[in-house]
Amino acid sequence: MENVTGILLCGGKGERLKPLTDNLPKPLVQIRGKPLLQHLLEWLSHEGVRRFVACTGYRADAIEAFLTQHRWDVRCVNSGDADMVVRLRDARPLVSARSLVCYGDTVANVDLSALAAEHTRRSALATITVHPFYSPFGVVEYNGDQQVNCFREKPRLPYWINIGYLLLEPEAMDLLACATGMSGFLADLAATGRLFAYEHGGRHITVNTEMERLSAEAQIVEFITLMETHEDISHVTGLHAPDTHGAVKETS
């Protein structure tokens, strides 16, 4: 993963998290005392990613100020109030090899080495990480006579959801030029016959509402434990790196 650039989509307004996001971008909402974006960067660094592009918009100044406090190798691209495809287009000039597109409000303990290995084995143009879909409600099962057989609390459904961690070859990003929205970009990738899915069955934490933020407080412990017990983790988290490592740069 050392030759992969992590592209972090950090420009959303987080409307459903108000009032927390009245003056704070959603990726900086804190989970267990750290911004969600910090948890994401630490996990990606833990998995070997060394370079990043942060695609900012809403309260870009706050994202940039946060990043300058650390020593990750990050460049910021402020696209203003734009959709994800525009942000990716603006990031494209800063990417020369493979890239990994992640949502700035989502953390998952994806095995990036395994993701890359599957991507390479399939000669994929792009590989998107998917996670099992669980019903947000309990369901009732009954027979033809409407006699109830059982209740299932928030069961796993026979579908998979897109959680980002989208690994792209440089040629894949060329399709951004004509794409209409993120769904259109993914549809264009699928039309090439070289878009594949990587199934992730581990932790997936996303924060869109206050209820999800409270749930994330408990779930994020797994990530913290994994990194705290990792040998000499300081050299990849960016928290104690020397002053000469990386810089946060603003591009137009």
C-alpha atoms as a PDB file:
ATOM      1  CA  MET A   1       0.000   0.000   0.000  1.00  0.00           C
ATOM      2  CA  GLU A   2       3.010   2.337   0.163  1.00  0.00           C
ATOM      3  CA  ASN A   3       2.493   3.435  -3.468  1.00  0.00           C
ATOM      4  CA  VAL A   4      -1.220   4.083  -2.948  1.00  0.00           C
ATOM      5  CA  THR A   5      -2.574   7.604  -2.373  1.00  0.00           C
ATOM      6  CA  GLY A   6      -5.482   7.783   0.047  1.00  0.00           C
ATOM      7  CA  ILE A   7      -8.170  10.188  -1.184  1.00  0.00           C
ATOM      8  CA  LEU A   8     -10.367  11.307   1.700  1.00  0.00           C
ATOM      9  CA  LEU A   9     -13.761  12.810   0.878  1.00  0.00           C
ATOM     10  CA  CYS A  10     -14.207  15.416   3.630  1.00  0.00           C
ATOM     11  CA  GLY A  11     -16.408  18.094   2.101  1.00  0.00           C
ATOM     12  CA  GLY A  12     -19.928  17.290   3.285  1.00  0.00           C
ATOM     13  CA  LYS A  13     -22.010  19.498   5.581  1.00  0.00           C
ATOM     14  CA  GLY A  14     -23.323  16.754   7.898  1.00  0.00           C
ATOM     15  CA  GLU A  15     -26.843  18.207   8.039  1.00  0.00           C
ATOM     16  CA  ARG A  16     -28.218  15.282  10.063  1.00  0.00           C
ATOM     17  CA  LEU A  17     -25.618  15.818  12.791  1.00  0.00           C
ATOM     18  CA  LYS A  18     -26.666  19.370  13.607  1.00  0.00           C
ATOM     19  CA  PRO A  19     -26.045  21.171  15.914  1.00  0.00           C
ATOM     20  CA  LEU A  20     -22.645  19.410  16.177  1.00  0.00           C
ATOM     21  CA  THR A  21     -21.898  20.387  12.582  1.00  0.00           C
ATOM     22  CA  ASP A  22     -23.134  23.975  12.709  1.00  0.00           C
ATOM     23  CA  ASN A  23     -19.526  25.146  12.772  1.00  0.00           C
ATOM     24  CA  LEU A  24     -17.663  21.856  12.459  1.00  0.00           C
ATOM     25  CA  PRO A  25     -17.227  19.591   9.406  1.00  0.00           C
ATOM     26  CA  LYS A  26     -18.547  16.082   9.987  1.00  0.00           C
ATOM     27  CA  PRO A  27     -15.109  14.364   9.758  1.00  0.00           C
ATOM     28  CA  LEU A  28     -14.016  16.377  12.812  1.00  0.00           C
ATOM     29  CA  VAL A  29     -16.884  15.227  15.033  1.00  0.00           C
ATOM     30  CA  GLN A  30     -15.206  13.498  17.959  1.00  0.00           C
ATOM     31  CA  ILE A  31     -15.465   9.811  18.800  1.00  0.00           C
ATOM     32  CA  ARG A  32     -13.764   8.786  22.050  1.00  0.00           C
ATOM     33  CA  GLY A  33     -11.882  12.068  22.234  1.00  0.00           C
ATOM     34  CA  LYS A  34     -10.547  12.044  18.653  1.00  0.00           C
ATOM     35  CA  PRO A  35     -12.014  13.372  15.401  1.00  0.00           C
ATOM     36  CA  LEU A  36     -13.421  10.638  13.180  1.00  0.00           C
ATOM     37  CA  LEU A  37     -10.946  11.733  10.490  1.00  0.00           C
ATOM     38  CA  GLN A  38      -8.063  11.011  12.865  1.00  0.00           C
ATOM     39  CA  HIS A  39      -9.324   7.468  13.466  1.00  0.00           C
ATOM     40  CA  LEU A  40      -9.511   7.000   9.688  1.00  0.00           C
ATOM     41  CA  LEU A  41      -6.007   8.351   9.039  1.00  0.00           C
ATOM     42  CA  GLU A  42      -4.538   6.246  11.818  1.00  0.00           C
ATOM     43  CA  TRP A  43      -6.138   3.082  10.437  1.00  0.00           C
ATOM     44  CA  LEU A  44      -5.001   3.769   6.871  1.00  0.00           C
ATOM     45  CA  SER A  45      -1.485   4.519   8.129  1.00  0.00           C
ATOM     46  CA  HIS A  46      -1.582   1.334  10.201  1.00  0.00           C
ATOM     47  CA  GLU A  47      -2.336  -0.534   6.954  1.00  0.00           C
ATOM     48  CA  GLY A  48       0.571   1.071   5.082  1.00  0.00           C
ATOM     49  CA  VAL A  49      -0.836   4.104   3.272  1.00  0.00           C
ATOM     50  CA  ARG A  50       1.673   6.961   3.420  1.00  0.00           C
ATOM     51  CA  ARG A  51       0.270   9.754   1.196  1.00  0.00           C
ATOM     52  CA  PHE A  52      -3.120  11.429   1.321  1.00  0.00           C
ATOM     53  CA  VAL A  53      -5.260  13.989  -0.465  1.00  0.00           C
ATOM     54  CA  ALA A  54      -8.049  15.514   1.618  1.00  0.00           C
ATOM     55  CA  CYS A  55     -10.934  16.713  -0.565  1.00  0.00           C
ATOM     56  CA  THR A  56     -12.490  19.525   1.445  1.00  0.00           C
ATOM     57  CA  GLY A  57     -15.431  21.892   1.080  1.00  0.00           C
ATOM     58  CA  TYR A  58     -17.586  22.826   4.060  1.00  0.00           C
ATOM     59  CA  ARG A  59     -15.392  24.385   6.761  1.00  0.00           C
ATOM     60  CA  ALA A  60     -12.256  23.490   4.823  1.00  0.00           C
ATOM     61  CA  ASP A  61     -10.284  25.773   7.129  1.00  0.00           C
ATOM     62  CA  ALA A  62     -11.088  23.559  10.124  1.00  0.00           C
ATOM     63  CA  ILE A  63      -9.944  20.399   8.299  1.00  0.00           C
ATOM     64  CA  GLU A  64      -6.694  22.082   7.270  1.00  0.00           C
ATOM     65  CA  ALA A  65      -6.077  23.430  10.780  1.00  0.00           C
ATOM     66  CA  PHE A  66      -6.554  19.956  12.245  1.00  0.00           C
ATOM     67  CA  LEU A  67      -4.172  18.349   9.741  1.00  0.00           C
ATOM     68  CA  THR A  68      -1.420  20.888  10.418  1.00  0.00           C
ATOM     69  CA  GLN A  69      -1.329  19.678  14.037  1.00  0.00           C
ATOM     70  CA  HIS A  70      -0.025  16.282  12.851  1.00  0.00           C
ATOM     71  CA  ARG A  71       2.635  15.027  10.496  1.00  0.00           C
ATOM     72  CA  TRP A  72       0.753  13.015   7.925  1.00  0.00           C
ATOM     73  CA  ASP A  73       1.760  13.631   4.316  1.00  0.00           C
ATOM     74  CA  VAL A  74      -1.497  15.323   3.250  1.00  0.00           C
ATOM     75  CA  ARG A  75      -2.420  17.781   0.538  1.00  0.00           C
ATOM     76  CA  CYS A  76      -5.758  19.549   0.739  1.00  0.00           C
ATOM     77  CA  VAL A  77      -7.935  20.371  -2.250  1.00  0.00           C
ATOM     78  CA  ASN A  78     -10.836  22.715  -1.556  1.00  0.00           C
ATOM     79  CA  SER A  79     -13.593  22.283  -4.163  1.00  0.00           C
ATOM     80  CA  GLY A  80     -16.158  24.373  -2.308  1.00  0.00           C
ATOM     81  CA  ASP A  81     -19.776  23.242  -2.401  1.00  0.00           C
ATOM     82  CA  ALA A  82     -19.413  20.413  -4.926  1.00  0.00           C
ATOM     83  CA  ASP A  83     -20.360  16.774  -5.329  1.00  0.00           C
ATOM     84  CA  MET A  84     -17.966  13.877  -4.835  1.00  0.00           C
ATOM     85  CA  VAL A  85     -17.102  13.482  -8.514  1.00  0.00           C
ATOM     86  CA  VAL A  86     -16.011  17.123  -8.771  1.00  0.00           C
ATOM     87  CA  ARG A  87     -13.863  16.649  -5.681  1.00  0.00           C
ATOM     88  CA  LEU A  88     -12.247  13.557  -7.206  1.00  0.00           C
ATOM     89  CA  ARG A  89     -11.610  15.403 -10.469  1.00  0.00           C
ATOM     90  CA  ASP A  90      -9.870  18.162  -8.539  1.00  0.00           C
ATOM     91  CA  ALA A  91      -7.743  15.579  -6.691  1.00  0.00           C
ATOM     92  CA  ARG A  92      -6.774  13.750  -9.887  1.00  0.00           C
ATOM     93  CA  PRO A  93      -3.667  15.878 -10.701  1.00  0.00           C
ATOM     94  CA  LEU A  94      -2.172  14.906  -7.328  1.00  0.00           C
ATOM     95  CA  VAL A  95      -2.478  11.161  -7.974  1.00  0.00           C
ATOM     96  CA  SER A  96       0.065   9.359 -10.144  1.00  0.00           C
ATOM     97  CA  ALA A  97      -0.519   5.709  -9.256  1.00  0.00           C
ATOM     98  CA  ARG A  98      -3.226   3.698  -7.501  1.00  0.00           C
ATOM     99  CA  SER A  99      -5.580   5.529  -5.180  1.00  0.00           C
ATOM    100  CA  LEU A 100      -7.887   4.490  -2.370  1.00  0.00           C
ATOM    101  CA  VAL A 101     -11.033   6.597  -2.082  1.00  0.00           C
ATOM    102  CA  CYS A 102     -12.511   6.735   1.430  1.00  0.00           C
ATOM    103  CA  TYR A 103     -15.449   8.612   2.922  1.00  0.00           C
ATOM    104  CA  GLY A 104     -14.275  10.998   5.620  1.00  0.00           C
ATOM    105  CA  ASP A 105     -17.125   9.980   7.942  1.00  0.00           C
ATOM    106  CA  THR A 106     -16.563   6.215   7.710  1.00  0.00           C
ATOM    107  CA  VAL A 107     -14.038   3.921   9.398  1.00  0.00           C
ATOM    108  CA  ALA A 108     -13.750   0.208   8.733  1.00  0.00           C
ATOM    109  CA  ASN A 109     -10.967  -2.198   9.696  1.00  0.00           C
ATOM    110  CA  VAL A 110     -10.525  -3.287   6.086  1.00  0.00           C
ATOM    111  CA  ASP A 111      -7.499  -5.502   5.410  1.00  0.00           C
ATOM    112  CA  LEU A 112      -5.987  -3.298   2.718  1.00  0.00           C
ATOM    113  CA  SER A 113      -3.276  -5.801   1.787  1.00  0.00           C
ATOM    114  CA  ALA A 114      -5.947  -8.416   1.070  1.00  0.00           C
ATOM    115  CA  LEU A 115      -7.992  -5.838  -0.851  1.00  0.00           C
ATOM    116  CA  ALA A 116      -4.969  -4.960  -2.991  1.00  0.00           C
ATOM    117  CA  ALA A 117      -4.118  -8.631  -3.560  1.00  0.00           C
ATOM    118  CA  GLU A 118      -7.640  -9.399  -4.819  1.00  0.00           C
ATOM    119  CA  HIS A 119      -7.599  -6.266  -6.959  1.00  0.00           C
ATOM    120  CA  THR A 120      -4.307  -7.343  -8.579  1.00  0.00           C
ATOM    121  CA  ARG A 121      -5.355 -10.979  -9.025  1.00  0.00           C
ATOM    122  CA  ARG A 122      -8.454  -9.921 -10.944  1.00  0.00           C
ATOM    123  CA  SER A 123      -6.632  -7.317 -13.059  1.00  0.00           C
ATOM    124  CA  ALA A 124      -9.305  -4.943 -11.828  1.00  0.00           C
ATOM    125  CA  LEU A 125      -9.728  -1.376 -12.969  1.00  0.00           C
ATOM    126  CA  ALA A 126     -11.465  -0.669  -9.661  1.00  0.00           C
ATOM    127  CA  THR A 127     -12.433  -2.618  -6.547  1.00  0.00           C
ATOM    128  CA  ILE A 128     -15.090  -1.360  -4.168  1.00  0.00           C
ATOM    129  CA  THR A 129     -15.398  -2.568  -0.598  1.00  0.00           C
ATOM    130  CA  VAL A 130     -18.824  -3.822   0.423  1.00  0.00           C
ATOM    131  CA  HIS A 131     -20.295  -4.720   3.793  1.00  0.00           C
ATOM    132  CA  PRO A 132     -23.318  -6.874   4.748  1.00  0.00           C
ATOM    133  CA  PHE A 133     -26.563  -4.940   5.007  1.00  0.00           C
ATOM    134  CA  TYR A 134     -28.477  -5.250   8.268  1.00  0.00           C
ATOM    135  CA  SER A 135     -32.099  -4.229   8.683  1.00  0.00           C
ATOM    136  CA  PRO A 136     -32.493  -1.217  10.993  1.00  0.00           C
ATOM    137  CA  PHE A 137     -35.705  -2.847  12.265  1.00  0.00           C
ATOM    138  CA  GLY A 138     -36.744  -6.111  13.851  1.00  0.00           C
ATOM    139  CA  VAL A 139     -38.718  -8.341  11.469  1.00  0.00           C
ATOM    140  CA  VAL A 140     -41.622 -10.729  11.985  1.00  0.00           C
ATOM    141  CA  GLU A 141     -41.801 -14.088  10.214  1.00  0.00           C
ATOM    142  CA  TYR A 142     -45.119 -15.909   9.790  1.00  0.00           C
ATOM    143  CA  ASN A 143     -46.654 -18.642   7.627  1.00  0.00           C
ATOM    144  CA  GLY A 144     -49.450 -18.601   5.054  1.00  0.00           C
ATOM    145  CA  ASP A 145     -52.089 -18.553   7.807  1.00  0.00           C
ATOM    146  CA  GLN A 146     -50.353 -15.502   9.295  1.00  0.00           C
ATOM    147  CA  GLN A 147     -49.326 -17.548  12.314  1.00  0.00           C
ATOM    148  CA  VAL A 148     -46.183 -15.909  13.701  1.00  0.00           C
ATOM    149  CA  ASN A 149     -43.168 -18.209  13.756  1.00  0.00           C
ATOM    150  CA  CYS A 150     -40.456 -15.951  15.130  1.00  0.00           C
ATOM    151  CA  PHE A 151     -39.074 -12.486  15.593  1.00  0.00           C
ATOM    152  CA  ARG A 152     -35.646 -11.535  14.279  1.00  0.00           C
ATOM    153  CA  GLU A 153     -33.997  -8.429  15.699  1.00  0.00           C
ATOM    154  CA  LYS A 154     -32.259  -6.353  12.987  1.00  0.00           C
ATOM    155  CA  PRO A 155     -31.284  -9.354  10.856  1.00  0.00           C
ATOM    156  CA  ARG A 156     -28.671  -9.475   8.131  1.00  0.00           C
ATOM    157  CA  LEU A 157     -30.326  -9.081   4.740  1.00  0.00           C
ATOM    158  CA  PRO A 158     -29.200 -10.683   1.441  1.00  0.00           C
ATOM    159  CA  TYR A 159     -27.599  -7.467   0.168  1.00  0.00           C
ATOM    160  CA  TRP A 160     -24.268  -5.648   0.361  1.00  0.00           C
ATOM    161  CA  ILE A 161     -23.668  -1.919   0.809  1.00  0.00           C
ATOM    162  CA  ASN A 162     -20.936   0.333  -0.551  1.00  0.00           C
ATOM    163  CA  ILE A 163     -18.648   1.556   2.257  1.00  0.00           C
ATOM    164  CA  GLY A 164     -15.983   3.188   0.104  1.00  0.00           C
ATOM    165  CA  TYR A 165     -12.384   1.957   0.382  1.00  0.00           C
ATOM    166  CA  LEU A 166     -12.517   2.100  -3.412  1.00  0.00           C
ATOM    167  CA  LEU A 167      -9.190   1.058  -4.922  1.00  0.00           C
ATOM    168  CA  LEU A 168      -8.640   2.669  -8.330  1.00  0.00           C
ATOM    169  CA  GLU A 169      -6.110   2.295 -11.098  1.00  0.00           C
ATOM    170  CA  PRO A 170      -5.085   5.637 -12.671  1.00  0.00           C
ATOM    171  CA  GLU A 171      -7.088   4.799 -15.824  1.00  0.00           C
ATOM    172  CA  ALA A 172     -10.227   4.452 -13.714  1.00  0.00           C
ATOM    173  CA  MET A 173      -9.980   8.090 -12.715  1.00  0.00           C
ATOM    174  CA  ASP A 174      -9.967   9.060 -16.394  1.00  0.00           C
ATOM    175  CA  LEU A 175     -13.671   8.120 -16.413  1.00  0.00           C
ATOM    176  CA  LEU A 176     -14.351  10.987 -14.007  1.00  0.00           C
ATOM    177  CA  ALA A 177     -14.274  13.451 -16.903  1.00  0.00           C
ATOM    178  CA  CYS A 178     -17.712  12.402 -18.154  1.00  0.00           C
ATOM    179  CA  ALA A 179     -19.232  11.031 -14.941  1.00  0.00           C
ATOM    180  CA  THR A 180     -22.446  12.451 -13.520  1.00  0.00           C
ATOM    181  CA  GLY A 181     -22.335  12.046  -9.757  1.00  0.00           C
ATOM    182  CA  MET A 182     -20.727   9.254  -7.766  1.00  0.00           C
ATOM    183  CA  SER A 183     -23.377   6.714  -8.744  1.00  0.00           C
ATOM    184  CA  GLY A 184     -22.747   7.573 -12.397  1.00  0.00           C
ATOM    185  CA  PHE A 185     -19.008   7.113 -11.932  1.00  0.00           C
ATOM    186  CA  LEU A 186     -19.533   3.687 -10.371  1.00  0.00           C
ATOM    187  CA  ALA A 187     -21.947   2.756 -13.179  1.00  0.00           C
ATOM    188  CA  ASP A 188     -19.323   3.761 -15.760  1.00  0.00           C
ATOM    189  CA  LEU A 189     -16.751   1.624 -13.962  1.00  0.00           C
ATOM    190  CA  ALA A 190     -19.163  -1.331 -13.909  1.00  0.00           C
ATOM    191  CA  ALA A 191     -19.762  -0.916 -17.653  1.00  0.00           C
ATOM    192  CA  THR A 192     -16.072  -1.628 -18.298  1.00  0.00           C
ATOM    193  CA  GLY A 193     -16.495  -5.125 -16.846  1.00  0.00           C
ATOM    194  CA  ARG A 194     -13.507  -4.499 -14.572  1.00  0.00           C
ATOM    195  CA  LEU A 195     -15.210  -3.234 -11.409  1.00  0.00           C
ATOM    196  CA  PHE A 196     -15.123  -5.839  -8.643  1.00  0.00           C
ATOM    197  CA  ALA A 197     -16.350  -6.062  -5.052  1.00  0.00           C
ATOM    198  CA  TYR A 198     -14.275  -6.893  -1.998  1.00  0.00           C
ATOM    199  CA  GLU A 199     -16.357  -8.287   0.862  1.00  0.00           C
ATOM    200  CA  HIS A 200     -15.548  -6.896   4.302  1.00  0.00           C
ATOM    201  CA  GLY A 201     -17.173  -8.666   7.225  1.00  0.00           C
ATOM    202  CA  GLY A 202     -15.397  -6.786  10.019  1.00  0.00           C
ATOM    203  CA  ARG A 203     -16.184  -3.504  11.712  1.00  0.00           C
ATOM    204  CA  HIS A 204     -17.876  -0.721   9.770  1.00  0.00           C
ATOM    205  CA  ILE A 205     -18.530   2.574  11.535  1.00  0.00           C
ATOM    206  CA  THR A 206     -20.243   5.502   9.871  1.00  0.00           C
ATOM    207  CA  VAL A 207     -21.566   8.623  11.561  1.00  0.00           C
ATOM    208  CA  ASN A 208     -24.557  10.360   9.982  1.00  0.00           C
ATOM    209  CA  THR A 209     -26.779  10.919  13.027  1.00  0.00           C
ATOM    210  CA  GLU A 210     -26.375  11.426  16.764  1.00  0.00           C
ATOM    211  CA  MET A 211     -27.576   7.862  17.349  1.00  0.00           C
ATOM    212  CA  GLU A 212     -24.828   6.553  15.053  1.00  0.00           C
ATOM    213  CA  ARG A 213     -22.283   8.760  16.818  1.00  0.00           C
ATOM    214  CA  LEU A 214     -23.213   7.272  20.192  1.00  0.00           C
ATOM    215  CA  SER A 215     -22.975   3.758  18.732  1.00  0.00           C
ATOM    216  CA  ALA A 216     -19.568   4.606  17.272  1.00  0.00           C
ATOM    217  CA  GLU A 217     -18.296   5.531  20.744  1.00  0.00           C
ATOM    218  CA  ALA A 218     -18.481   1.850  21.698  1.00  0.00           C
ATOM    219  CA  GLN A 219     -17.430   0.353  18.373  1.00  0.00           C
ATOM    220  CA  ILE A 220     -14.304   2.466  17.884  1.00  0.00           C
ATOM    221  CA  VAL A 221     -12.638   0.738  20.842  1.00  0.00           C
ATOM    222  CA  GLU A 222     -11.676  -2.141  18.542  1.00  0.00           C
ATOM    223  CA  PHE A 223      -9.666   0.199  16.323  1.00  0.00           C
ATOM    224  CA  ILE A 224      -7.959   1.897  19.257  1.00  0.00           C
ATOM    225  CA  THR A 225      -7.008  -1.466  20.786  1.00  0.00           C
ATOM    226  CA  LEU A 226      -5.603  -2.805  17.515  1.00  0.00           C
ATOM    227  CA  MET A 227      -3.358   0.216  17.024  1.00  0.00           C
ATOM    228  CA  GLU A 228      -2.263   0.593  20.637  1.00  0.00           C
ATOM    229  CA  THR A 229      -1.065  -3.024  20.678  1.00  0.00           C
ATOM    230  CA  HIS A 230       0.688  -2.766  17.303  1.00  0.00           C
ATOM    231  CA  GLU A 231       4.493  -2.819  17.561  1.00  0.00           C
ATOM    232  CA  ASP A 232       6.038   0.666  17.364  1.00  0.00           C
ATOM    233  CA  ILE A 233       2.826   2.184  16.032  1.00  0.00           C
ATOM    234  CA  SER A 234       4.181   5.737  16.442  1.00  0.00           C
ATOM    235  CA  HIS A 235       6.012   5.595  13.118  1.00  0.00           C
ATOM    236  CA  VAL A 236       2.802   5.162  11.149  1.00  0.00           C
ATOM    237  CA  THR A 237       0.192   7.148  13.043  1.00  0.00           C
ATOM    238  CA  GLY A 238       1.820  10.479  12.292  1.00  0.00           C
ATOM    239  CA  LEU A 239       1.480  11.529  15.928  1.00  0.00           C
ATOM    240  CA  HIS A 240       5.199  11.526  16.768  1.00  0.00           C
ATOM    241  CA  ALA A 241       6.891  11.676  13.393  1.00  0.00           C
ATOM    242  CA  PRO A 242       9.830  14.049  12.860  1.00  0.00           C
ATOM    243  CA  ASP A 243       9.166  17.588  11.650  1.00  0.00           C
ATOM    244  CA  THR A 244      10.587  16.800   8.207  1.00  0.00           C
ATOM    245  CA  HIS A 245       7.881  14.227   7.432  1.00  0.00           C
ATOM    246  CA  GLY A 246       5.142  15.503   5.177  1.00  0.00           C
ATOM    247  CA  ALA A 247       3.227  18.750   5.105  1.00  0.00           C
ATOM    248  CA  VAL A 248      -0.278  19.977   4.640  1.00  0.00           C
ATOM    249  CA  LYS A 249      -0.556  21.957   1.433  1.00  0.00           C
ATOM    250  CA  GLU A 250      -3.508  23.833   0.019  1.00  0.00           C
ATOM    251  CA  THR A 251      -4.204  23.620  -3.708  1.00  0.00           C
ATOM    252  CA  SER A 252      -6.873  25.366  -5.665  1.00  0.00           C
END
